[in-house]
Amino acid sequence: MSLAASGAHTARISIRPAEAADLATLHEIYAGHVLTGVASFEEEPPTREEFQRRWQSIVDLGLPYLVACDGDHVLGYAYAGLYRPRSAYRYTVEDSIYLAPAATGRGTGARLLGAVIDGATRAGKRQMLAVIGDSANSASIALHRRLGFMPVGTFQSVGFKFERWVDSVLMQRALGAGDTTAP
């Protein structure tokens, strides 16, 4: 029986804040997604300097930017970034999750997203949005649904990547008291 099938891998996965020393590996994971998939609508990977700037901007806001590790091996990362810059959106964040190809199907995404939800809630955020690239991304849609996200719409054919039109699936979940009280 494989370790993944036995559940042993899930037990070994640890989640921790991303550090500057992780950024080269995280950049490599993200670049792979940019170049081969539609989870990101970027068509060229950002430079390492730009990637570091993006990480720093999220950390400076006190939002979660986390890595999943199996020992010293980074399996993937996830973070919550501001949904939009205008002040009325200040209690709403958008999650992002990127896994190394070998880390899929091991519960890594669920562990990361759960930790990001917890971190964003502790940071006082009230809503989390998922903007999932490609309506055919059933794994990401199912992951978000398992963690309490509800579908709220689909922007059809809003991206054009790899010579095809790509949808964005929108999902949302409340954090903490959600909209039942004022922040």
Protein backbone atom coordinates (compact mmCIF):
# COMPACT_ATOMS: atom_id res chain seq x y z
CA MET A 1 0.00 0.00 0.00
CA SER A 2 1.32 3.44 -0.85
CA LEU A 3 1.88 6.03 1.85
CA ALA A 4 -0.72 8.26 0.23
CA ALA A 5 -3.29 5.50 0.28
CA SER A 6 -2.55 4.68 3.91
CA GLY A 7 -3.01 8.27 5.05
CA ALA A 8 0.52 8.36 6.49
CA HIS A 9 1.46 11.32 4.30
CA THR A 10 -1.35 13.48 5.67
CA ALA A 11 -0.16 12.91 9.23
CA ARG A 12 3.37 14.07 8.34
CA ILE A 13 2.30 17.30 6.66
CA SER A 14 3.05 20.39 8.71
CA ILE A 15 1.80 23.90 8.03
CA ARG A 16 3.85 26.96 8.88
CA PRO A 17 4.24 30.59 7.82
CA ALA A 18 6.21 31.05 4.62
CA GLU A 19 9.68 32.48 5.10
CA ALA A 20 11.98 34.34 2.75
CA ALA A 21 14.07 31.16 2.46
CA ASP A 22 11.03 29.36 0.95
CA LEU A 23 10.44 31.84 -1.84
CA ALA A 24 12.64 30.24 -4.49
CA THR A 25 10.73 26.96 -4.11
CA LEU A 26 7.35 28.70 -3.98
CA HIS A 27 8.25 30.69 -7.09
CA GLU A 28 9.14 27.45 -8.87
CA ILE A 29 5.80 25.88 -7.92
CA TYR A 30 3.89 28.95 -9.08
CA ALA A 31 5.86 29.23 -12.32
CA GLY A 32 4.90 25.64 -13.12
CA HIS A 33 1.22 26.50 -12.67
CA VAL A 34 1.54 29.63 -14.81
CA LEU A 35 3.29 27.79 -17.63
CA THR A 36 1.17 24.63 -17.69
CA GLY A 37 -2.24 25.33 -16.19
CA VAL A 38 -5.11 27.76 -15.90
CA ALA A 39 -5.31 28.10 -12.11
CA SER A 40 -3.49 31.38 -12.68
CA PHE A 41 -4.41 33.67 -15.53
CA GLU A 42 -0.85 34.98 -15.71
CA GLU A 43 0.83 33.84 -18.89
CA GLU A 44 4.42 34.57 -17.88
CA PRO A 45 5.72 33.84 -14.40
CA PRO A 46 6.64 36.91 -12.37
CA THR A 47 10.30 37.51 -11.66
CA ARG A 48 11.60 36.29 -8.32
CA GLU A 49 11.80 39.90 -7.20
CA GLU A 50 8.14 40.50 -8.06
CA PHE A 51 7.15 37.23 -6.40
CA GLN A 52 8.98 38.31 -3.24
CA ARG A 53 7.29 41.73 -3.37
CA ARG A 54 3.87 40.04 -3.56
CA TRP A 55 4.69 37.78 -0.60
CA GLN A 56 5.95 40.72 1.45
CA SER A 57 2.85 42.81 0.74
CA ILE A 58 0.60 40.06 2.12
CA VAL A 59 2.78 39.43 5.15
CA ASP A 60 2.91 43.18 5.86
CA LEU A 61 -0.89 43.21 6.03
CA GLY A 62 -0.86 40.51 8.72
CA LEU A 63 -2.59 38.03 6.43
CA PRO A 64 -1.72 34.32 6.32
CA TYR A 65 0.85 33.16 3.77
CA LEU A 66 1.56 29.52 4.59
CA VAL A 67 3.56 26.56 3.34
CA ALA A 68 2.87 22.86 3.70
CA CYS A 69 5.90 20.68 4.33
CA ASP A 70 6.70 17.02 4.64
CA GLY A 71 9.83 17.29 6.74
CA ASP A 72 12.00 19.84 4.96
CA HIS A 73 10.28 19.28 1.61
CA VAL A 74 7.84 22.06 0.60
CA LEU A 75 4.67 20.57 -0.89
CA GLY A 76 2.83 23.78 -1.67
CA TYR A 77 1.59 27.08 -0.34
CA ALA A 78 -1.55 29.11 0.19
CA TYR A 79 -2.38 32.62 1.23
CA ALA A 80 -5.19 35.12 1.70
CA GLY A 81 -4.80 38.41 -0.12
CA LEU A 82 -7.04 41.43 -0.19
CA TYR A 83 -9.91 40.91 -2.60
CA ARG A 84 -9.76 44.48 -3.92
CA PRO A 85 -7.95 47.63 -2.79
CA ARG A 86 -10.93 49.92 -2.14
CA SER A 87 -11.66 50.45 1.56
CA ALA A 88 -15.17 48.96 1.59
CA TYR A 89 -13.63 45.58 0.68
CA ARG A 90 -11.25 45.62 3.69
CA TYR A 91 -12.98 42.69 5.44
CA THR A 92 -12.94 40.45 2.37
CA VAL A 93 -10.01 38.31 1.25
CA GLU A 94 -9.36 35.97 -1.66
CA ASP A 95 -7.56 32.68 -1.16
CA SER A 96 -4.92 31.17 -3.43
CA ILE A 97 -3.49 27.64 -3.25
CA TYR A 98 -0.68 26.17 -5.32
CA LEU A 99 0.68 22.66 -4.85
CA ALA A 100 3.68 20.89 -6.29
CA PRO A 101 2.46 18.21 -8.72
CA ALA A 102 3.55 15.35 -6.43
CA ALA A 103 1.58 16.83 -3.51
CA THR A 104 -1.90 16.53 -4.99
CA GLY A 105 -4.34 14.00 -3.62
CA ARG A 106 -2.66 13.86 -0.19
CA GLY A 107 -4.90 16.24 1.76
CA THR A 108 -2.34 19.01 1.46
CA GLY A 109 -4.73 21.50 -0.13
CA ALA A 110 -7.35 20.97 2.58
CA ARG A 111 -4.79 21.42 5.35
CA LEU A 112 -3.46 24.60 3.75
CA LEU A 113 -6.87 26.11 3.00
CA GLY A 114 -8.13 25.30 6.50
CA ALA A 115 -5.13 27.06 8.02
CA VAL A 116 -5.57 30.08 5.72
CA ILE A 117 -9.25 30.30 6.72
CA ASP A 118 -8.25 30.22 10.40
CA GLY A 119 -5.54 32.84 9.90
CA ALA A 120 -7.79 35.20 7.96
CA THR A 121 -10.48 34.84 10.63
CA ARG A 122 -7.95 35.69 13.35
CA ALA A 123 -6.95 38.73 11.25
CA GLY A 124 -10.54 40.00 11.52
CA LYS A 125 -11.67 39.24 8.00
CA ARG A 126 -15.34 38.36 7.49
CA GLN A 127 -15.62 36.91 3.97
CA MET A 128 -13.34 34.74 1.88
CA LEU A 129 -13.68 34.42 -1.86
CA ALA A 130 -12.25 31.81 -4.18
CA VAL A 131 -11.77 32.83 -7.80
CA ILE A 132 -11.06 29.47 -9.39
CA GLY A 133 -9.50 29.42 -12.83
CA ASP A 134 -11.42 27.12 -15.18
CA SER A 135 -14.86 25.71 -14.50
CA ALA A 136 -13.34 22.29 -15.30
CA ASN A 137 -11.09 22.54 -12.21
CA SER A 138 -13.22 20.04 -10.31
CA ALA A 139 -10.55 19.33 -7.69
CA SER A 140 -10.34 22.96 -6.55
CA ILE A 141 -14.10 23.40 -6.67
CA ALA A 142 -14.60 20.24 -4.57
CA LEU A 143 -11.90 21.30 -2.09
CA HIS A 144 -13.51 24.68 -1.54
CA ARG A 145 -16.96 23.12 -1.20
CA ARG A 146 -15.63 20.68 1.45
CA LEU A 147 -14.33 23.63 3.43
CA GLY A 148 -17.61 25.50 3.44
CA PHE A 149 -17.49 27.59 0.28
CA MET A 150 -20.65 27.96 -1.76
CA PRO A 151 -20.73 28.67 -5.49
CA VAL A 152 -21.92 32.20 -6.20
CA GLY A 153 -21.36 32.44 -9.94
CA THR A 154 -19.22 31.86 -12.97
CA PHE A 155 -17.63 34.45 -15.18
CA GLN A 156 -17.70 32.71 -18.52
CA SER A 157 -14.83 33.01 -20.96
CA VAL A 158 -13.11 35.88 -19.14
CA GLY A 159 -9.61 34.54 -19.74
CA PHE A 160 -7.88 33.43 -22.90
CA LYS A 161 -4.94 31.14 -22.25
CA PHE A 162 -3.40 28.26 -24.21
CA GLU A 163 -5.51 29.20 -27.23
CA ARG A 164 -8.82 28.67 -25.44
CA TRP A 165 -11.37 30.63 -23.44
CA VAL A 166 -11.31 29.99 -19.69
CA ASP A 167 -14.00 30.62 -17.06
CA SER A 168 -13.58 31.84 -13.49
CA VAL A 169 -15.72 30.10 -10.88
CA LEU A 170 -16.59 32.27 -7.89
CA MET A 171 -17.12 30.70 -4.46
CA GLN A 172 -17.58 32.35 -1.08
CA ARG A 173 -17.70 31.53 2.62
CA ALA A 174 -18.21 33.59 5.73
CA LEU A 175 -15.41 33.91 8.27
CA GLY A 176 -16.16 34.22 11.97
CA ALA A 177 -19.43 36.11 12.46
CA GLY A 178 -19.58 36.84 8.73
CA ASP A 179 -22.21 39.49 8.04
CA THR A 180 -24.29 38.81 11.17
CA THR A 181 -22.62 41.70 13.05
CA ALA A 182 -20.68 44.81 12.19
CA PRO A 183 -16.90 44.37 12.30
